Amino acid sequence: MADSELTLARTGGVPLSRIVYTAEQIADCVRDMGRQITEAIPEGEEILVLGLLKGSFIFLSDLVREITRPVQVDFLVASSYGSGTTSSGQVKLLYDPDAEFKGKHVILVEDIVDSGTTLNRLIPMLEEREPRSLEICALLHKHIAANLVREARWVGFDAPHEFLIGYGLDHSEKYRNLPFIGSL
């Protein structure tokens, strides 16, 4: 089966405009980000990697395997959409981790920084838990968010202003399983 036929099969026949980042490009990028995080956190200090679900789960699983230090992993589920299709501006934690933050280097893992609404609400909430440090690691950054309270320390790719799917990113809960990132 040709690559284009395989792509159509994986997307249920939905044609992509293009593949933006291949599986190989993503793997190289994640490997490099893991190395950077390993070098940035002093040896022997506790690291809590906190994934923002659902979009970050694939990226997070690959990333923590590239960090060559012991890490604790937990997740947050936050919503700013309510029942609508546009952000309400209010962020509600739907799942709040039991992990202790105090004194740990907390790395919040995000699939994509887009509007910044969720990050702008979450960062102050997480800072109240007194982590030793709090940094953001994002696979993609669209650079369209106005007034981010904290910029991502580690960014894999500067994302185009397109609707992206794959490698955890979805459209109506589909296409997260694609091994690449494509544009619809």
C-alpha atoms as a PDB file:
ATOM      1  CA  MET A   1       0.000   0.000   0.000  1.00  0.00           C
ATOM      2  CA  ALA A   2       1.428   3.414  -0.965  1.00  0.00           C
ATOM      3  CA  ASP A   3       1.996   6.053   1.739  1.00  0.00           C
ATOM      4  CA  SER A   4      -0.900   8.176   0.468  1.00  0.00           C
ATOM      5  CA  GLU A   5      -3.255   5.163   0.508  1.00  0.00           C
ATOM      6  CA  LEU A   6      -2.130   4.237   4.028  1.00  0.00           C
ATOM      7  CA  THR A   7      -2.714   7.807   5.201  1.00  0.00           C
ATOM      8  CA  LEU A   8      -6.230   7.814   3.730  1.00  0.00           C
ATOM      9  CA  ALA A   9      -6.933   4.451   5.372  1.00  0.00           C
ATOM     10  CA  ARG A  10      -5.776   5.701   8.786  1.00  0.00           C
ATOM     11  CA  THR A  11      -7.879   8.847   8.516  1.00  0.00           C
ATOM     12  CA  GLY A  12     -10.972   6.947   7.398  1.00  0.00           C
ATOM     13  CA  GLY A  13     -10.730   8.411   3.918  1.00  0.00           C
ATOM     14  CA  VAL A  14     -10.382  12.025   5.100  1.00  0.00           C
ATOM     15  CA  PRO A  15      -7.678  13.586   2.924  1.00  0.00           C
ATOM     16  CA  LEU A  16      -5.034  15.657   4.634  1.00  0.00           C
ATOM     17  CA  SER A  17      -3.794  18.918   3.159  1.00  0.00           C
ATOM     18  CA  ARG A  18      -0.304  17.753   4.035  1.00  0.00           C
ATOM     19  CA  ILE A  19       1.829  15.950   6.586  1.00  0.00           C
ATOM     20  CA  VAL A  20       3.330  18.745   8.656  1.00  0.00           C
ATOM     21  CA  TYR A  21       5.711  16.666  10.827  1.00  0.00           C
ATOM     22  CA  THR A  22       6.672  13.068  10.063  1.00  0.00           C
ATOM     23  CA  ALA A  23       6.972  10.381  12.714  1.00  0.00           C
ATOM     24  CA  GLU A  24      10.753  10.557  12.304  1.00  0.00           C
ATOM     25  CA  GLN A  25      10.859  14.336  12.783  1.00  0.00           C
ATOM     26  CA  ILE A  26       8.716  14.017  15.909  1.00  0.00           C
ATOM     27  CA  ALA A  27      10.889  11.222  17.343  1.00  0.00           C
ATOM     28  CA  ASP A  28      14.074  13.265  16.803  1.00  0.00           C
ATOM     29  CA  CYS A  29      12.472  16.325  18.379  1.00  0.00           C
ATOM     30  CA  VAL A  30      11.171  14.432  21.434  1.00  0.00           C
ATOM     31  CA  ARG A  31      14.567  12.794  21.946  1.00  0.00           C
ATOM     32  CA  ASP A  32      16.214  16.226  21.921  1.00  0.00           C
ATOM     33  CA  MET A  33      13.641  17.684  24.333  1.00  0.00           C
ATOM     34  CA  GLY A  34      14.196  14.782  26.749  1.00  0.00           C
ATOM     35  CA  ARG A  35      17.936  15.439  26.665  1.00  0.00           C
ATOM     36  CA  GLN A  36      17.388  19.163  27.315  1.00  0.00           C
ATOM     37  CA  ILE A  37      15.127  18.450  30.293  1.00  0.00           C
ATOM     38  CA  THR A  38      17.618  15.925  31.703  1.00  0.00           C
ATOM     39  CA  GLU A  39      20.388  18.533  31.481  1.00  0.00           C
ATOM     40  CA  ALA A  40      18.243  21.320  32.971  1.00  0.00           C
ATOM     41  CA  ILE A  41      17.139  19.592  36.171  1.00  0.00           C
ATOM     42  CA  PRO A  42      19.925  19.008  38.718  1.00  0.00           C
ATOM     43  CA  GLU A  43      20.701  15.365  39.369  1.00  0.00           C
ATOM     44  CA  GLY A  44      19.070  13.949  42.485  1.00  0.00           C
ATOM     45  CA  GLU A  45      16.187  16.440  42.530  1.00  0.00           C
ATOM     46  CA  GLU A  46      12.606  15.257  42.176  1.00  0.00           C
ATOM     47  CA  ILE A  47      10.818  15.675  38.857  1.00  0.00           C
ATOM     48  CA  LEU A  48       7.043  15.517  38.431  1.00  0.00           C
ATOM     49  CA  VAL A  49       5.932  15.368  34.804  1.00  0.00           C
ATOM     50  CA  LEU A  50       2.320  16.465  34.619  1.00  0.00           C
ATOM     51  CA  GLY A  51       0.427  15.750  31.402  1.00  0.00           C
ATOM     52  CA  LEU A  52      -2.538  17.823  30.319  1.00  0.00           C
ATOM     53  CA  LEU A  53      -5.050  15.315  28.960  1.00  0.00           C
ATOM     54  CA  LYS A  54      -6.124  14.221  26.502  1.00  0.00           C
ATOM     55  CA  GLY A  55      -3.874  15.631  23.824  1.00  0.00           C
ATOM     56  CA  SER A  56      -0.537  15.212  25.583  1.00  0.00           C
ATOM     57  CA  PHE A  57      -0.688  11.494  26.377  1.00  0.00           C
ATOM     58  CA  ILE A  58       1.288  10.188  23.390  1.00  0.00           C
ATOM     59  CA  PHE A  59       3.857  12.991  23.549  1.00  0.00           C
ATOM     60  CA  LEU A  60       4.231  12.561  27.315  1.00  0.00           C
ATOM     61  CA  SER A  61       4.774   8.804  27.086  1.00  0.00           C
ATOM     62  CA  ASP A  62       7.523   9.254  24.503  1.00  0.00           C
ATOM     63  CA  LEU A  63       9.053  12.221  26.340  1.00  0.00           C
ATOM     64  CA  VAL A  64       9.424  10.569  29.763  1.00  0.00           C
ATOM     65  CA  ARG A  65      11.256   7.650  28.156  1.00  0.00           C
ATOM     66  CA  GLU A  66      13.834  10.162  26.886  1.00  0.00           C
ATOM     67  CA  ILE A  67      14.406  11.797  30.300  1.00  0.00           C
ATOM     68  CA  THR A  68      17.279   9.858  31.846  1.00  0.00           C
ATOM     69  CA  ARG A  69      16.383  10.604  35.444  1.00  0.00           C
ATOM     70  CA  PRO A  70      13.743   9.140  37.728  1.00  0.00           C
ATOM     71  CA  VAL A  71      10.430  10.909  37.131  1.00  0.00           C
ATOM     72  CA  GLN A  72       6.993  10.772  38.667  1.00  0.00           C
ATOM     73  CA  VAL A  73       4.119  11.042  36.171  1.00  0.00           C
ATOM     74  CA  ASP A  74       0.597  12.281  36.764  1.00  0.00           C
ATOM     75  CA  PHE A  75      -2.112  13.962  34.744  1.00  0.00           C
ATOM     76  CA  LEU A  76      -4.523  16.881  34.804  1.00  0.00           C
ATOM     77  CA  VAL A  77      -7.821  17.052  33.008  1.00  0.00           C
ATOM     78  CA  ALA A  78      -8.992  20.615  32.552  1.00  0.00           C
ATOM     79  CA  SER A  79     -11.859  22.058  30.577  1.00  0.00           C
ATOM     80  CA  SER A  80     -12.504  25.587  29.404  1.00  0.00           C
ATOM     81  CA  TYR A  81     -15.251  24.734  26.949  1.00  0.00           C
ATOM     82  CA  GLY A  82     -18.287  23.688  28.983  1.00  0.00           C
ATOM     83  CA  SER A  83     -21.015  22.613  26.569  1.00  0.00           C
ATOM     84  CA  GLY A  84     -20.041  24.994  23.773  1.00  0.00           C
ATOM     85  CA  THR A  85     -17.476  24.912  21.017  1.00  0.00           C
ATOM     86  CA  THR A  86     -15.616  28.051  22.051  1.00  0.00           C
ATOM     87  CA  SER A  87     -13.698  28.620  25.244  1.00  0.00           C
ATOM     88  CA  SER A  88     -15.714  29.972  28.144  1.00  0.00           C
ATOM     89  CA  GLY A  89     -12.558  31.484  29.616  1.00  0.00           C
ATOM     90  CA  GLN A  90     -13.215  29.626  32.867  1.00  0.00           C
ATOM     91  CA  VAL A  91     -11.001  26.611  33.517  1.00  0.00           C
ATOM     92  CA  LYS A  92     -12.353  23.779  35.596  1.00  0.00           C
ATOM     93  CA  LEU A  93     -10.191  20.899  36.792  1.00  0.00           C
ATOM     94  CA  LEU A  94     -12.023  17.682  36.001  1.00  0.00           C
ATOM     95  CA  TYR A  95      -9.208  15.547  37.410  1.00  0.00           C
ATOM     96  CA  ASP A  96      -6.770  16.953  39.937  1.00  0.00           C
ATOM     97  CA  PRO A  97      -3.706  14.809  40.702  1.00  0.00           C
ATOM     98  CA  ASP A  98      -2.923  13.546  44.178  1.00  0.00           C
ATOM     99  CA  ALA A  99       0.800  14.031  43.591  1.00  0.00           C
ATOM    100  CA  GLU A 100       2.699  16.284  45.975  1.00  0.00           C
ATOM    101  CA  PHE A 101       4.079  19.343  44.175  1.00  0.00           C
ATOM    102  CA  LYS A 102       5.932  21.061  47.008  1.00  0.00           C
ATOM    103  CA  GLY A 103       9.683  21.123  46.462  1.00  0.00           C
ATOM    104  CA  LYS A 104       9.548  19.265  43.123  1.00  0.00           C
ATOM    105  CA  HIS A 105      10.465  20.386  39.639  1.00  0.00           C
ATOM    106  CA  VAL A 106       7.084  20.247  37.906  1.00  0.00           C
ATOM    107  CA  ILE A 107       6.991  20.046  34.130  1.00  0.00           C
ATOM    108  CA  LEU A 108       3.550  20.657  32.650  1.00  0.00           C
ATOM    109  CA  VAL A 109       3.355  18.813  29.325  1.00  0.00           C
ATOM    110  CA  GLU A 110       1.024  20.256  26.706  1.00  0.00           C
ATOM    111  CA  ASP A 111       0.403  19.018  23.166  1.00  0.00           C
ATOM    112  CA  ILE A 112      -0.115  22.471  21.662  1.00  0.00           C
ATOM    113  CA  VAL A 113      -0.099  26.052  22.915  1.00  0.00           C
ATOM    114  CA  ASP A 114      -2.903  27.737  21.039  1.00  0.00           C
ATOM    115  CA  SER A 115      -5.140  30.363  22.706  1.00  0.00           C
ATOM    116  CA  GLY A 116      -3.321  30.078  26.044  1.00  0.00           C
ATOM    117  CA  THR A 117      -6.574  30.191  28.044  1.00  0.00           C
ATOM    118  CA  THR A 118      -6.036  26.898  29.846  1.00  0.00           C
ATOM    119  CA  LEU A 119      -2.373  27.577  30.616  1.00  0.00           C
ATOM    120  CA  ASN A 120      -3.108  31.092  31.877  1.00  0.00           C
ATOM    121  CA  ARG A 121      -5.638  29.721  34.368  1.00  0.00           C
ATOM    122  CA  LEU A 122      -3.675  26.601  35.370  1.00  0.00           C
ATOM    123  CA  ILE A 123      -0.266  28.135  36.052  1.00  0.00           C
ATOM    124  CA  PRO A 124      -1.391  30.271  39.044  1.00  0.00           C
ATOM    125  CA  MET A 125      -3.347  27.296  40.443  1.00  0.00           C
ATOM    126  CA  LEU A 126      -0.285  25.062  40.199  1.00  0.00           C
ATOM    127  CA  GLU A 127       2.058  27.702  41.633  1.00  0.00           C
ATOM    128  CA  GLU A 128      -0.076  27.782  44.795  1.00  0.00           C
ATOM    129  CA  ARG A 129       1.110  24.214  45.454  1.00  0.00           C
ATOM    130  CA  GLU A 130       4.674  25.499  45.925  1.00  0.00           C
ATOM    131  CA  PRO A 131       6.693  23.504  43.401  1.00  0.00           C
ATOM    132  CA  ARG A 132      10.437  24.099  43.423  1.00  0.00           C
ATOM    133  CA  SER A 133      10.048  25.099  39.776  1.00  0.00           C
ATOM    134  CA  LEU A 134       7.213  25.014  37.276  1.00  0.00           C
ATOM    135  CA  GLU A 135       7.974  24.840  33.566  1.00  0.00           C
ATOM    136  CA  ILE A 136       5.950  24.173  30.436  1.00  0.00           C
ATOM    137  CA  CYS A 137       6.981  21.691  27.769  1.00  0.00           C
ATOM    138  CA  ALA A 138       4.919  21.863  24.581  1.00  0.00           C
ATOM    139  CA  LEU A 139       5.300  19.804  21.461  1.00  0.00           C
ATOM    140  CA  LEU A 140       3.735  22.549  19.328  1.00  0.00           C
ATOM    141  CA  HIS A 141       3.368  26.304  19.759  1.00  0.00           C
ATOM    142  CA  LYS A 142       1.262  28.428  17.416  1.00  0.00           C
ATOM    143  CA  HIS A 143       2.518  31.735  18.888  1.00  0.00           C
ATOM    144  CA  ILE A 144      -0.944  33.300  18.745  1.00  0.00           C
ATOM    145  CA  ALA A 145      -1.686  33.424  22.476  1.00  0.00           C
ATOM    146  CA  ALA A 146      -1.768  36.956  23.822  1.00  0.00           C
ATOM    147  CA  ASN A 147      -0.349  37.635  27.274  1.00  0.00           C
ATOM    148  CA  LEU A 148       0.718  34.156  28.366  1.00  0.00           C
ATOM    149  CA  VAL A 149       1.440  34.187  32.095  1.00  0.00           C
ATOM    150  CA  ARG A 150       4.348  31.841  31.405  1.00  0.00           C
ATOM    151  CA  GLU A 151       5.975  30.988  28.113  1.00  0.00           C
ATOM    152  CA  ALA A 152       6.913  27.366  27.408  1.00  0.00           C
ATOM    153  CA  ARG A 153      10.538  26.628  28.268  1.00  0.00           C
ATOM    154  CA  TRP A 154      10.742  23.685  25.885  1.00  0.00           C
ATOM    155  CA  VAL A 155       8.982  23.796  22.510  1.00  0.00           C
ATOM    156  CA  GLY A 156       9.312  21.097  19.896  1.00  0.00           C
ATOM    157  CA  PHE A 157       7.977  22.878  16.819  1.00  0.00           C
ATOM    158  CA  ASP A 158       6.599  26.290  15.909  1.00  0.00           C
ATOM    159  CA  ALA A 159       3.230  25.184  14.552  1.00  0.00           C
ATOM    160  CA  PRO A 160       1.582  26.604  11.472  1.00  0.00           C
ATOM    161  CA  HIS A 161      -1.798  28.292  11.891  1.00  0.00           C
ATOM    162  CA  GLU A 162      -3.638  25.249  10.563  1.00  0.00           C
ATOM    163  CA  PHE A 163      -5.928  22.660  12.127  1.00  0.00           C
ATOM    164  CA  LEU A 164      -3.568  19.843  13.081  1.00  0.00           C
ATOM    165  CA  ILE A 165      -4.307  16.201  13.870  1.00  0.00           C
ATOM    166  CA  GLY A 166      -2.271  13.168  14.847  1.00  0.00           C
ATOM    167  CA  TYR A 167       0.226  12.213  17.539  1.00  0.00           C
ATOM    168  CA  GLY A 168      -2.381  12.954  20.223  1.00  0.00           C
ATOM    169  CA  LEU A 169      -4.114  15.862  18.487  1.00  0.00           C
ATOM    170  CA  ASP A 170      -7.698  15.152  17.545  1.00  0.00           C
ATOM    171  CA  HIS A 171     -10.655  16.285  15.544  1.00  0.00           C
ATOM    172  CA  SER A 172     -13.896  15.246  17.276  1.00  0.00           C
ATOM    173  CA  GLU A 173     -11.919  12.659  19.297  1.00  0.00           C
ATOM    174  CA  LYS A 174     -10.531  10.997  16.161  1.00  0.00           C
ATOM    175  CA  TYR A 175      -7.041  10.762  14.616  1.00  0.00           C
ATOM    176  CA  ARG A 176      -5.034  10.906  17.879  1.00  0.00           C
ATOM    177  CA  ASN A 177      -3.442   7.591  16.856  1.00  0.00           C
ATOM    178  CA  LEU A 178      -1.760   8.883  13.696  1.00  0.00           C
ATOM    179  CA  PRO A 179       2.036   8.558  14.044  1.00  0.00           C
ATOM    180  CA  PHE A 180       2.587  11.902  12.305  1.00  0.00           C
ATOM    181  CA  ILE A 181       1.021  15.380  12.541  1.00  0.00           C
ATOM    182  CA  GLY A 182      -1.040  16.424   9.567  1.00  0.00           C
ATOM    183  CA  SER A 183      -3.160  19.366   8.511  1.00  0.00           C
ATOM    184  CA  LEU A 184      -6.833  18.875   7.701  1.00  0.00           C
END
